[in-house]
Amino acid sequence: LPAGRWAAVQVKDSGSGIAPEDRPRIFDPFFTTKPVGAGTGLGLATVLRIAQISGGGVALETPAGGGACFTVYLPCVD
């Protein structure tokens, strides 16, 4: 993201983390690691698109050992 003023919202969990092979696809519409019928895979794609339309973005941190942290960045408006 370019330099500027940003509002950030973080969502963290303490789960098993996101496997390295899944990371390139986590924002793809309909991508899910859940069993068939247990999820649609639209959540992260929707969050990313809303952030992008607003001029922001989403960052992912998923350290070795588990957990994930998504940070949604939105530009501050004066």
Protein backbone atom coordinates (compact mmCIF):
# COMPACT_ATOMS: atom_id res chain seq x y z
CA LEU A 1 0.00 0.00 0.00
CA PRO A 2 1.22 3.53 -0.63
CA ALA A 3 2.35 5.78 2.19
CA GLY A 4 -0.51 7.52 3.92
CA ARG A 5 -2.93 7.32 6.81
CA TRP A 6 -4.63 3.96 7.28
CA ALA A 7 -7.19 2.50 9.64
CA ALA A 8 -6.45 -1.13 10.44
CA VAL A 9 -8.68 -3.89 11.76
CA GLN A 10 -7.11 -7.19 12.83
CA VAL A 11 -8.77 -10.56 13.17
CA LYS A 12 -6.68 -13.30 14.81
CA ASP A 13 -7.20 -16.93 15.63
CA SER A 14 -5.19 -19.60 17.38
CA GLY A 15 -5.94 -22.42 14.97
CA SER A 16 -3.52 -24.56 13.00
CA GLY A 17 -2.57 -21.73 10.63
CA ILE A 18 -2.78 -21.68 6.85
CA ALA A 19 -0.70 -24.23 4.97
CA PRO A 20 1.93 -22.71 2.66
CA GLU A 21 0.42 -24.44 -0.37
CA ASP A 22 -2.99 -22.85 0.35
CA ARG A 23 -1.77 -19.27 0.88
CA PRO A 24 -1.68 -18.26 -2.81
CA ARG A 25 -5.37 -19.19 -3.18
CA ILE A 26 -7.00 -18.08 0.09
CA PHE A 27 -8.54 -14.97 -1.49
CA ASP A 28 -9.86 -16.85 -4.55
CA PRO A 29 -13.67 -16.95 -4.75
CA PHE A 30 -15.03 -20.36 -3.72
CA PHE A 31 -11.67 -21.62 -2.41
CA THR A 32 -12.09 -23.47 0.88
CA THR A 33 -10.26 -26.12 2.83
CA LYS A 34 -13.48 -27.21 4.51
CA PRO A 35 -15.29 -30.41 3.53
CA VAL A 36 -17.96 -30.23 0.82
CA GLY A 37 -21.10 -28.63 2.23
CA ALA A 38 -19.30 -27.01 5.18
CA GLY A 39 -18.50 -23.64 3.62
CA THR A 40 -18.80 -21.60 0.45
CA GLY A 41 -15.35 -20.02 0.37
CA LEU A 42 -16.63 -16.49 -0.27
CA GLY A 43 -15.65 -14.75 2.96
CA LEU A 44 -12.03 -13.77 2.30
CA ALA A 45 -12.69 -12.98 -1.37
CA THR A 46 -15.46 -10.60 -0.30
CA VAL A 47 -13.35 -8.94 2.40
CA LEU A 48 -10.46 -8.40 -0.02
CA ARG A 49 -12.70 -6.95 -2.74
CA ILE A 50 -14.39 -4.51 -0.36
CA ALA A 51 -11.00 -3.38 0.93
CA GLN A 52 -9.67 -2.94 -2.63
CA ILE A 53 -12.72 -0.98 -3.81
CA SER A 54 -12.19 1.31 -0.82
CA GLY A 55 -8.55 1.86 -1.79
CA GLY A 56 -7.09 -0.50 0.81
CA GLY A 57 -5.99 -4.08 1.10
CA VAL A 58 -5.61 -7.12 3.33
CA ALA A 59 -2.44 -8.62 4.81
CA LEU A 60 -1.99 -12.12 6.20
CA GLU A 61 0.41 -13.31 8.87
CA THR A 62 0.43 -17.01 9.71
CA PRO A 63 3.48 -17.91 11.75
CA ALA A 64 4.94 -21.39 11.99
CA GLY A 65 3.28 -23.20 14.83
CA GLY A 66 -0.25 -22.05 14.15
CA GLY A 67 -2.68 -19.21 14.15
CA ALA A 68 -3.47 -16.60 11.55
CA CYS A 69 -3.84 -12.83 11.62
CA PHE A 70 -5.63 -10.90 8.89
CA THR A 71 -5.20 -7.11 8.88
CA VAL A 72 -7.66 -5.09 6.81
CA TYR A 73 -6.30 -1.68 5.82
CA LEU A 74 -8.68 1.11 4.82
CA PRO A 75 -7.63 4.65 3.92
CA CYS A 76 -8.47 7.37 6.42
CA VAL A 77 -10.71 10.07 5.01
CA ASP A 78 -10.40 13.64 6.24
